[in-house]
Amino acid sequence: MALDTQLNKASPFSFDLVFPLIPVQTELRGNEEFTLNIYETVLPGVTLDMTEQNWQGGRTNRATGALTFEPWNVSFTVDSEFKNWQVIFKWFMFINNNRDKYIDLQKIYAVDATLRVVDNFQDQKFSLFFVDVWPTSLGEVSLTYREGEPNLEAQVSFTYDRYELREYSAIQ
């Protein structure tokens, strides 16, 4: 196999997740992008709703037009000060703190996010632009002293309205 066909393979380090604005960011740097250092994600599936119709004595499937997007699950490395985990947790508390704040209108707590995919030369190839994203579950963080597991990790699941594929050409 030629060397040039192996150089440009996608690797686990070829993507990042960027939120331009999180509703809980209140410090001076709150208008900066929040990049979650993810190490694993699966591009969510999408389903076109179908219905079976009778037509001239036969049956046929027809698209009803509604799209259903599956939840988006992301695994990330928790930083040493838990700052990225805290941002996600505070986002939850902004949506509903189970004490005196309950669900607001979606437009108040939903934000857009971009999953950027780059090649080994850090050239952006495409991105998925997620519209109206908000977290629906934040997984546990295991605090342990075992050797071989120096990184703290967590999972977060997001719900969103839709995503759009944005491709990049070689000449921009």
N, C-alpha and C. Protein backbone atom coordinates (compact mmCIF):
# COMPACT_ATOMS: atom_id res chain seq x y z
N MET A 1 0.85 -1.17 0.00
CA MET A 1 0.00 0.00 0.00
C MET A 1 0.90 1.24 0.00
N ALA A 2 0.57 2.21 -0.80
CA ALA A 2 1.37 3.42 -0.90
C ALA A 2 1.29 4.23 0.39
N LEU A 3 2.41 4.85 0.74
CA LEU A 3 2.49 5.63 1.97
C LEU A 3 1.51 6.79 1.97
N ASP A 4 1.31 7.45 0.82
CA ASP A 4 0.44 8.62 0.79
C ASP A 4 -1.02 8.28 1.08
N THR A 5 -1.45 7.04 0.90
CA THR A 5 -2.83 6.68 1.21
C THR A 5 -3.04 6.48 2.70
N GLN A 6 -1.94 6.27 3.46
CA GLN A 6 -2.06 6.07 4.89
C GLN A 6 -1.90 7.35 5.68
N LEU A 7 -1.27 8.36 5.13
CA LEU A 7 -0.98 9.58 5.87
C LEU A 7 -2.22 10.37 6.26
N ASN A 8 -3.23 10.31 5.45
CA ASN A 8 -4.38 11.19 5.67
C ASN A 8 -5.57 10.46 6.27
N LYS A 9 -5.33 9.40 7.01
CA LYS A 9 -6.41 8.68 7.67
C LYS A 9 -6.98 9.52 8.80
N ALA A 10 -8.25 9.37 9.05
CA ALA A 10 -8.85 10.00 10.22
C ALA A 10 -8.36 9.27 11.46
N SER A 11 -8.08 10.00 12.50
CA SER A 11 -7.62 9.40 13.75
C SER A 11 -8.49 9.92 14.88
N PRO A 12 -8.38 9.33 16.07
CA PRO A 12 -9.19 9.82 17.19
C PRO A 12 -8.93 11.27 17.55
N PHE A 13 -7.86 11.85 17.07
CA PHE A 13 -7.53 13.23 17.39
C PHE A 13 -7.93 14.17 16.28
N SER A 14 -8.86 13.78 15.43
CA SER A 14 -9.17 14.60 14.26
C SER A 14 -10.53 15.29 14.34
N PHE A 15 -10.96 15.60 15.55
CA PHE A 15 -12.23 16.31 15.69
C PHE A 15 -12.24 17.09 17.00
N ASP A 16 -13.06 18.13 17.04
CA ASP A 16 -13.29 18.85 18.29
C ASP A 16 -14.71 19.39 18.31
N LEU A 17 -15.20 19.65 19.50
CA LEU A 17 -16.57 20.11 19.69
C LEU A 17 -16.54 21.52 20.25
N VAL A 18 -17.14 22.46 19.51
CA VAL A 18 -17.06 23.87 19.88
C VAL A 18 -18.46 24.43 20.09
N PHE A 19 -18.64 25.10 21.23
CA PHE A 19 -19.85 25.84 21.53
C PHE A 19 -19.49 27.31 21.51
N PRO A 20 -20.11 28.11 20.64
CA PRO A 20 -19.75 29.53 20.61
C PRO A 20 -20.19 30.28 21.86
N LEU A 21 -21.22 29.80 22.54
CA LEU A 21 -21.73 30.49 23.72
C LEU A 21 -22.56 29.52 24.54
N ILE A 22 -22.28 29.45 25.83
CA ILE A 22 -23.05 28.63 26.77
C ILE A 22 -23.82 29.60 27.65
N PRO A 23 -25.11 29.39 27.91
CA PRO A 23 -25.89 30.37 28.66
C PRO A 23 -25.42 30.62 30.09
N VAL A 24 -24.58 29.76 30.65
CA VAL A 24 -24.15 29.94 32.04
C VAL A 24 -22.81 30.65 32.16
N GLN A 25 -22.18 31.00 31.07
CA GLN A 25 -20.89 31.69 31.12
C GLN A 25 -21.13 33.14 31.49
N THR A 26 -20.63 33.54 32.66
CA THR A 26 -20.89 34.89 33.15
C THR A 26 -19.62 35.70 33.34
N GLU A 27 -18.46 35.07 33.27
CA GLU A 27 -17.22 35.81 33.48
C GLU A 27 -16.87 36.62 32.23
N LEU A 28 -15.83 37.44 32.32
CA LEU A 28 -15.43 38.27 31.19
C LEU A 28 -15.11 37.45 29.96
N ARG A 29 -14.55 36.28 30.16
CA ARG A 29 -14.21 35.42 29.03
C ARG A 29 -15.41 34.60 28.56
N GLY A 30 -16.58 34.88 29.07
CA GLY A 30 -17.77 34.10 28.75
C GLY A 30 -18.19 34.16 27.31
N ASN A 31 -17.71 35.15 26.57
CA ASN A 31 -18.07 35.24 25.16
C ASN A 31 -17.11 34.47 24.26
N GLU A 32 -16.11 33.85 24.84
CA GLU A 32 -15.18 33.05 24.06
C GLU A 32 -15.80 31.68 23.78
N GLU A 33 -15.28 31.03 22.75
CA GLU A 33 -15.75 29.69 22.44
C GLU A 33 -15.43 28.74 23.59
N PHE A 34 -16.30 27.79 23.81
CA PHE A 34 -16.05 26.73 24.77
C PHE A 34 -15.80 25.47 23.96
N THR A 35 -14.58 24.94 24.03
CA THR A 35 -14.24 23.73 23.31
C THR A 35 -14.18 22.59 24.29
N LEU A 36 -15.02 21.60 24.09
CA LEU A 36 -15.05 20.42 24.96
C LEU A 36 -14.06 19.41 24.39
N ASN A 37 -13.10 18.99 25.22
CA ASN A 37 -12.05 18.10 24.74
C ASN A 37 -12.56 16.65 24.70
N ILE A 38 -13.29 16.36 23.62
CA ILE A 38 -13.90 15.04 23.48
C ILE A 38 -12.88 14.05 22.94
N TYR A 39 -13.07 12.80 23.32
CA TYR A 39 -12.22 11.75 22.78
C TYR A 39 -13.04 10.72 22.03
N GLU A 40 -14.38 10.79 22.13
CA GLU A 40 -15.21 9.84 21.40
C GLU A 40 -16.60 10.41 21.21
N THR A 41 -17.13 10.20 20.03
CA THR A 41 -18.53 10.51 19.74
C THR A 41 -18.96 9.65 18.57
N VAL A 42 -20.24 9.47 18.45
CA VAL A 42 -20.81 8.76 17.31
C VAL A 42 -21.71 9.76 16.60
N LEU A 43 -21.54 9.87 15.29
CA LEU A 43 -22.42 10.76 14.55
C LEU A 43 -23.84 10.22 14.66
N PRO A 44 -24.77 11.00 15.18
CA PRO A 44 -26.12 10.50 15.43
C PRO A 44 -26.84 10.09 14.15
N GLY A 45 -27.67 9.09 14.30
CA GLY A 45 -28.49 8.64 13.18
C GLY A 45 -29.67 9.56 12.96
N VAL A 46 -30.24 9.47 11.79
CA VAL A 46 -31.41 10.25 11.45
C VAL A 46 -32.38 9.32 10.71
N THR A 47 -33.66 9.46 11.02
CA THR A 47 -34.68 8.60 10.45
C THR A 47 -35.75 9.44 9.78
N LEU A 48 -36.12 9.05 8.58
CA LEU A 48 -37.22 9.69 7.87
C LEU A 48 -38.48 8.88 8.17
N ASP A 49 -39.47 9.53 8.77
CA ASP A 49 -40.70 8.82 9.13
C ASP A 49 -41.41 8.37 7.86
N MET A 50 -41.88 7.12 7.91
CA MET A 50 -42.54 6.50 6.76
C MET A 50 -43.95 6.08 7.15
N THR A 51 -44.80 6.00 6.17
CA THR A 51 -46.14 5.47 6.38
C THR A 51 -46.47 4.54 5.22
N GLU A 52 -47.23 3.52 5.51
CA GLU A 52 -47.64 2.58 4.48
C GLU A 52 -48.98 3.02 3.91
N GLN A 53 -49.06 3.06 2.59
CA GLN A 53 -50.29 3.50 1.94
C GLN A 53 -50.75 2.43 0.97
N ASN A 54 -52.07 2.33 0.84
CA ASN A 54 -52.65 1.45 -0.18
C ASN A 54 -52.85 2.26 -1.45
N TRP A 55 -52.40 1.69 -2.54
CA TRP A 55 -52.56 2.38 -3.81
C TRP A 55 -52.86 1.36 -4.89
N GLN A 56 -54.01 1.46 -5.49
CA GLN A 56 -54.48 0.56 -6.55
C GLN A 56 -54.33 -0.89 -6.16
N GLY A 57 -54.76 -1.20 -4.96
CA GLY A 57 -54.75 -2.58 -4.48
C GLY A 57 -53.41 -3.05 -3.95
N GLY A 58 -52.39 -2.26 -4.06
CA GLY A 58 -51.07 -2.63 -3.55
C GLY A 58 -50.67 -1.73 -2.39
N ARG A 59 -49.62 -2.09 -1.75
CA ARG A 59 -49.11 -1.28 -0.64
C ARG A 59 -47.77 -0.67 -1.04
N THR A 60 -47.60 0.54 -0.59
CA THR A 60 -46.34 1.23 -0.86
C THR A 60 -45.96 2.08 0.35
N ASN A 61 -44.69 2.28 0.52
CA ASN A 61 -44.21 3.14 1.60
C ASN A 61 -43.99 4.54 1.06
N ARG A 62 -44.38 5.52 1.84
CA ARG A 62 -44.19 6.91 1.46
C ARG A 62 -43.57 7.65 2.65
N ALA A 63 -42.71 8.58 2.33
CA ALA A 63 -42.13 9.42 3.37
C ALA A 63 -43.16 10.44 3.83
N THR A 64 -43.28 10.61 5.14
CA THR A 64 -44.23 11.59 5.66
C THR A 64 -43.58 12.96 5.81
N GLY A 65 -42.28 13.00 5.68
CA GLY A 65 -41.58 14.27 5.72
C GLY A 65 -40.93 14.60 7.05
N ALA A 66 -41.33 13.98 8.14
CA ALA A 66 -40.75 14.29 9.44
C ALA A 66 -39.43 13.54 9.62
N LEU A 67 -38.44 14.25 10.14
CA LEU A 67 -37.15 13.64 10.44
C LEU A 67 -37.00 13.50 11.96
N THR A 68 -36.45 12.39 12.38
CA THR A 68 -36.16 12.16 13.79
C THR A 68 -34.65 12.00 13.93
N PHE A 69 -34.05 12.86 14.77
CA PHE A 69 -32.61 12.78 15.03
C PHE A 69 -32.40 12.07 16.36
N GLU A 70 -31.48 11.12 16.35
CA GLU A 70 -31.17 10.37 17.57
C GLU A 70 -30.37 11.25 18.53
N PRO A 71 -30.39 10.92 19.83
CA PRO A 71 -29.58 11.68 20.80
C PRO A 71 -28.10 11.61 20.42
N TRP A 72 -27.38 12.62 20.83
CA TRP A 72 -25.96 12.74 20.51
C TRP A 72 -25.17 12.49 21.78
N ASN A 73 -24.38 11.42 21.79
CA ASN A 73 -23.59 11.04 22.95
C ASN A 73 -22.13 11.38 22.73
N VAL A 74 -21.53 12.01 23.72
CA VAL A 74 -20.15 12.48 23.62
C VAL A 74 -19.40 12.06 24.88
N SER A 75 -18.18 11.56 24.71
CA SER A 75 -17.30 11.25 25.83
C SER A 75 -16.17 12.26 25.83
N PHE A 76 -15.85 12.80 27.01
CA PHE A 76 -14.81 13.81 27.08
C PHE A 76 -13.90 13.58 28.28
N THR A 77 -12.70 14.14 28.17
CA THR A 77 -11.73 14.09 29.25
C THR A 77 -11.97 15.29 30.15
N VAL A 78 -12.13 15.04 31.44
CA VAL A 78 -12.35 16.11 32.41
C VAL A 78 -11.00 16.75 32.72
N ASP A 79 -10.94 18.07 32.64
CA ASP A 79 -9.67 18.75 32.91
C ASP A 79 -9.34 18.68 34.40
N SER A 80 -8.10 19.01 34.75
CA SER A 80 -7.60 18.83 36.12
C SER A 80 -8.35 19.69 37.15
N GLU A 81 -8.96 20.78 36.73
CA GLU A 81 -9.72 21.62 37.66
C GLU A 81 -11.23 21.43 37.53
N PHE A 82 -11.66 20.46 36.75
CA PHE A 82 -13.07 20.15 36.53
C PHE A 82 -13.82 21.31 35.86
N LYS A 83 -13.13 22.22 35.22
CA LYS A 83 -13.80 23.39 34.63
C LYS A 83 -14.77 23.00 33.53
N ASN A 84 -14.36 22.09 32.62
CA ASN A 84 -15.27 21.72 31.54
C ASN A 84 -16.48 20.95 32.07
N TRP A 85 -16.27 20.09 33.07
CA TRP A 85 -17.40 19.36 33.67
C TRP A 85 -18.34 20.36 34.35
N GLN A 86 -17.77 21.36 35.04
CA GLN A 86 -18.58 22.36 35.74
C GLN A 86 -19.43 23.19 34.77
N VAL A 87 -18.88 23.51 33.62
CA VAL A 87 -19.66 24.27 32.63
C VAL A 87 -20.90 23.48 32.23
N ILE A 88 -20.73 22.19 31.95
CA ILE A 88 -21.88 21.35 31.58
C ILE A 88 -22.84 21.24 32.75
N PHE A 89 -22.33 21.01 33.96
CA PHE A 89 -23.19 20.89 35.14
C PHE A 89 -23.97 22.18 35.39
N LYS A 90 -23.30 23.33 35.30
CA LYS A 90 -23.99 24.61 35.49
C LYS A 90 -25.04 24.84 34.41
N TRP A 91 -24.79 24.32 33.23
CA TRP A 91 -25.79 24.41 32.16
C TRP A 91 -27.04 23.65 32.57
N PHE A 92 -26.87 22.46 33.17
CA PHE A 92 -28.01 21.71 33.70
C PHE A 92 -28.78 22.53 34.73
N MET A 93 -28.04 23.11 35.67
CA MET A 93 -28.68 23.90 36.73
C MET A 93 -29.36 25.15 36.17
N PHE A 94 -28.86 25.66 35.08
CA PHE A 94 -29.50 26.79 34.41
C PHE A 94 -30.85 26.36 33.82
N ILE A 95 -30.92 25.14 33.32
CA ILE A 95 -32.16 24.63 32.74
C ILE A 95 -33.17 24.29 33.83
N ASN A 96 -32.71 23.58 34.86
CA ASN A 96 -33.61 23.14 35.93
C ASN A 96 -32.75 22.74 37.13
N ASN A 97 -32.88 23.47 38.24
CA ASN A 97 -32.04 23.14 39.40
C ASN A 97 -32.78 22.31 40.45
N ASN A 98 -34.02 21.91 40.18
CA ASN A 98 -34.81 21.06 41.08
C ASN A 98 -35.14 21.74 42.40
N ARG A 99 -34.94 23.03 42.50
CA ARG A 99 -35.24 23.75 43.73
C ARG A 99 -36.19 24.90 43.43
N ASP A 100 -35.72 25.90 42.72
CA ASP A 100 -36.57 27.06 42.45
C ASP A 100 -36.54 27.49 40.99
N LYS A 101 -35.84 26.75 40.16
CA LYS A 101 -35.79 27.06 38.73
C LYS A 101 -36.16 25.81 37.96
N TYR A 102 -37.21 25.95 37.17
CA TYR A 102 -37.67 24.83 36.37
C TYR A 102 -37.56 25.21 34.90
N ILE A 103 -37.83 24.29 34.07
CA ILE A 103 -37.63 24.45 32.63
C ILE A 103 -38.19 25.77 32.11
N ASP A 104 -37.34 26.49 31.36
CA ASP A 104 -37.72 27.70 30.65
C ASP A 104 -38.03 27.35 29.20
N LEU A 105 -38.24 28.37 28.42
CA LEU A 105 -38.40 28.17 26.98
C LEU A 105 -37.08 27.66 26.41
N GLN A 106 -37.16 26.77 25.45
CA GLN A 106 -35.98 26.16 24.86
C GLN A 106 -35.01 27.20 24.31
N LYS A 107 -35.50 28.27 23.75
CA LYS A 107 -34.61 29.27 23.15
C LYS A 107 -33.71 29.94 24.18
N ILE A 108 -34.03 29.84 25.47
CA ILE A 108 -33.22 30.45 26.52
C ILE A 108 -32.00 29.58 26.85
N TYR A 109 -32.15 28.26 26.81
CA TYR A 109 -31.05 27.39 27.23
C TYR A 109 -30.41 26.59 26.11
N ALA A 110 -30.95 26.62 24.90
CA ALA A 110 -30.38 25.88 23.78
C ALA A 110 -29.37 26.76 23.04
N VAL A 111 -28.28 26.17 22.61
CA VAL A 111 -27.24 26.87 21.85
C VAL A 111 -26.89 26.04 20.62
N ASP A 112 -26.14 26.62 19.73
CA ASP A 112 -25.65 25.88 18.57
C ASP A 112 -24.25 25.36 18.89
N ALA A 113 -23.86 24.27 18.23
CA ALA A 113 -22.54 23.68 18.44
C ALA A 113 -22.01 23.17 17.12
N THR A 114 -20.70 23.08 17.03
CA THR A 114 -20.07 22.59 15.80
C THR A 114 -19.09 21.48 16.14
N LEU A 115 -19.26 20.34 15.49
CA LEU A 115 -18.31 19.25 15.56
C LEU A 115 -17.43 19.37 14.32
N ARG A 116 -16.18 19.81 14.51
CA ARG A 116 -15.27 20.02 13.39
C ARG A 116 -14.41 18.78 13.19
N VAL A 117 -14.28 18.36 11.95
CA VAL A 117 -13.47 17.20 11.60
C VAL A 117 -12.32 17.67 10.73
N VAL A 118 -11.09 17.36 11.17
CA VAL A 118 -9.89 17.78 10.45
C VAL A 118 -9.07 16.54 10.08
N ASP A 119 -8.20 16.71 9.09
CA ASP A 119 -7.31 15.61 8.72
C ASP A 119 -6.03 15.71 9.54
N ASN A 120 -5.08 14.82 9.24
CA ASN A 120 -3.83 14.80 10.01
C ASN A 120 -2.99 16.05 9.84
N PHE A 121 -3.31 16.89 8.86
CA PHE A 121 -2.60 18.14 8.64
C PHE A 121 -3.36 19.32 9.23
N GLN A 122 -4.40 19.02 10.03
CA GLN A 122 -5.25 20.01 10.70
C GLN A 122 -6.03 20.89 9.72
N ASP A 123 -6.23 20.39 8.50
CA ASP A 123 -7.09 21.08 7.54
C ASP A 123 -8.52 20.61 7.78
N GLN A 124 -9.43 21.54 7.94
CA GLN A 124 -10.81 21.18 8.21
C GLN A 124 -11.43 20.58 6.95
N LYS A 125 -12.04 19.42 7.09
CA LYS A 125 -12.64 18.71 5.97
C LYS A 125 -14.15 18.91 5.91
N PHE A 126 -14.79 18.79 7.05
CA PHE A 126 -16.23 19.05 7.13
C PHE A 126 -16.58 19.29 8.58
N SER A 127 -17.79 19.73 8.80
CA SER A 127 -18.27 19.88 10.16
C SER A 127 -19.75 19.54 10.19
N LEU A 128 -20.20 19.16 11.36
CA LEU A 128 -21.63 19.01 11.61
C LEU A 128 -22.02 20.18 12.49
N PHE A 129 -22.99 20.94 12.04
CA PHE A 129 -23.48 22.09 12.78
C PHE A 129 -24.79 21.68 13.43
N PHE A 130 -24.78 21.61 14.77
CA PHE A 130 -25.95 21.19 15.53
C PHE A 130 -26.72 22.43 15.95
N VAL A 131 -28.01 22.44 15.68
CA VAL A 131 -28.87 23.59 15.96
C VAL A 131 -29.67 23.34 17.22
N ASP A 132 -29.69 24.33 18.12
CA ASP A 132 -30.45 24.28 19.38
C ASP A 132 -30.12 23.04 20.21
N VAL A 133 -28.89 22.99 20.68
CA VAL A 133 -28.37 21.87 21.47
C VAL A 133 -28.54 22.18 22.96
N TRP A 134 -28.86 21.16 23.73
CA TRP A 134 -28.81 21.27 25.19
C TRP A 134 -28.56 19.89 25.78
N PRO A 135 -27.90 19.83 26.95
CA PRO A 135 -27.57 18.54 27.55
C PRO A 135 -28.80 17.89 28.20
N THR A 136 -28.88 16.58 28.08
CA THR A 136 -29.99 15.84 28.71
C THR A 136 -29.50 14.85 29.76
N SER A 137 -28.23 14.50 29.72
CA SER A 137 -27.67 13.66 30.79
C SER A 137 -26.17 13.89 30.87
N LEU A 138 -25.67 13.93 32.08
CA LEU A 138 -24.24 14.06 32.35
C LEU A 138 -23.83 12.86 33.17
N GLY A 139 -22.95 12.06 32.61
CA GLY A 139 -22.54 10.82 33.25
C GLY A 139 -21.65 11.04 34.46
N GLU A 140 -21.44 9.97 35.16
CA GLU A 140 -20.63 9.98 36.36
C GLU A 140 -19.15 10.19 36.02
N VAL A 141 -18.41 10.67 37.00
CA VAL A 141 -16.95 10.78 36.90
C VAL A 141 -16.39 9.90 38.01
N SER A 142 -15.60 8.92 37.64
CA SER A 142 -15.03 8.00 38.61
C SER A 142 -13.72 8.58 39.14
N LEU A 143 -13.69 8.89 40.42
CA LEU A 143 -12.47 9.38 41.07
C LEU A 143 -11.75 8.16 41.62
N THR A 144 -10.58 7.86 41.07
CA THR A 144 -9.88 6.64 41.44
C THR A 144 -8.37 6.87 41.49
N TYR A 145 -7.67 6.04 42.25
CA TYR A 145 -6.22 6.10 42.34
C TYR A 145 -5.56 4.94 41.60
N ARG A 146 -6.34 4.14 40.90
CA ARG A 146 -5.77 2.99 40.20
C ARG A 146 -4.78 3.43 39.14
N GLU A 147 -3.70 2.67 39.02
CA GLU A 147 -2.72 2.98 37.99
C GLU A 147 -3.30 2.58 36.64
N GLY A 148 -2.84 3.27 35.62
CA GLY A 148 -3.31 2.97 34.27
C GLY A 148 -4.54 3.77 33.87
N GLU A 149 -5.14 4.49 34.81
CA GLU A 149 -6.31 5.31 34.52
C GLU A 149 -6.11 6.73 35.03
N PRO A 150 -5.09 7.43 34.50
CA PRO A 150 -4.79 8.76 35.04
C PRO A 150 -5.78 9.84 34.61
N ASN A 151 -6.54 9.61 33.55
CA ASN A 151 -7.47 10.62 33.05
C ASN A 151 -8.87 10.43 33.63
N LEU A 152 -9.47 11.53 34.02
CA LEU A 152 -10.87 11.50 34.43
C LEU A 152 -11.71 11.69 33.18
N GLU A 153 -12.75 10.90 33.07
CA GLU A 153 -13.59 10.93 31.89
C GLU A 153 -15.05 11.03 32.28
N ALA A 154 -15.85 11.59 31.38
CA ALA A 154 -17.30 11.68 31.59
C ALA A 154 -18.00 11.60 30.24
N GLN A 155 -19.27 11.34 30.28
CA GLN A 155 -20.10 11.30 29.09
C GLN A 155 -21.22 12.31 29.26
N VAL A 156 -21.62 12.89 28.14
CA VAL A 156 -22.76 13.80 28.13
C VAL A 156 -23.60 13.47 26.90
N SER A 157 -24.91 13.51 27.08
CA SER A 157 -25.84 13.31 25.96
C SER A 157 -26.54 14.62 25.69
N PHE A 158 -26.69 14.92 24.41
CA PHE A 158 -27.34 16.15 23.99
C PHE A 158 -28.57 15.84 23.15
N THR A 159 -29.55 16.72 23.28
CA THR A 159 -30.70 16.75 22.38
C THR A 159 -30.53 18.00 21.55
N TYR A 160 -31.08 17.99 20.36
CA TYR A 160 -30.91 19.10 19.44
C TYR A 160 -32.06 19.08 18.45
N ASP A 161 -32.24 20.18 17.76
CA ASP A 161 -33.30 20.27 16.77
C ASP A 161 -32.93 19.50 15.51
N ARG A 162 -31.73 19.76 15.00
CA ARG A 162 -31.26 19.10 13.78
C ARG A 162 -29.76 19.35 13.65
N TYR A 163 -29.14 18.66 12.71
CA TYR A 163 -27.78 19.00 12.35
C TYR A 163 -27.65 19.13 10.85
N GLU A 164 -26.64 19.90 10.46
CA GLU A 164 -26.40 20.16 9.04
C GLU A 164 -24.96 19.80 8.73
N LEU A 165 -24.74 19.16 7.61
CA LEU A 165 -23.41 18.83 7.15
C LEU A 165 -22.85 20.03 6.39
N ARG A 166 -21.68 20.47 6.78
CA ARG A 166 -21.02 21.58 6.09
C ARG A 166 -19.67 21.09 5.60
N GLU A 167 -19.55 20.97 4.29
CA GLU A 167 -18.32 20.48 3.69
C GLU A 167 -17.41 21.64 3.34
N TYR A 168 -16.11 21.35 3.31
CA TYR A 168 -15.12 22.36 2.98
C TYR A 168 -14.36 21.90 1.75
N SER A 169 -14.16 22.82 0.82
CA SER A 169 -13.39 22.49 -0.37
C SER A 169 -11.92 22.72 -0.10
N ALA A 170 -11.08 22.20 -0.96
CA ALA A 170 -9.63 22.36 -0.81
C ALA A 170 -9.23 23.83 -0.99
N ILE A 171 -9.96 24.55 -1.79
CA ILE A 171 -9.68 25.97 -2.02
C ILE A 171 -10.75 26.80 -1.34
N GLN A 172 -10.34 27.60 -0.37
CA GLN A 172 -11.34 28.43 0.34
C GLN A 172 -10.98 29.87 0.24
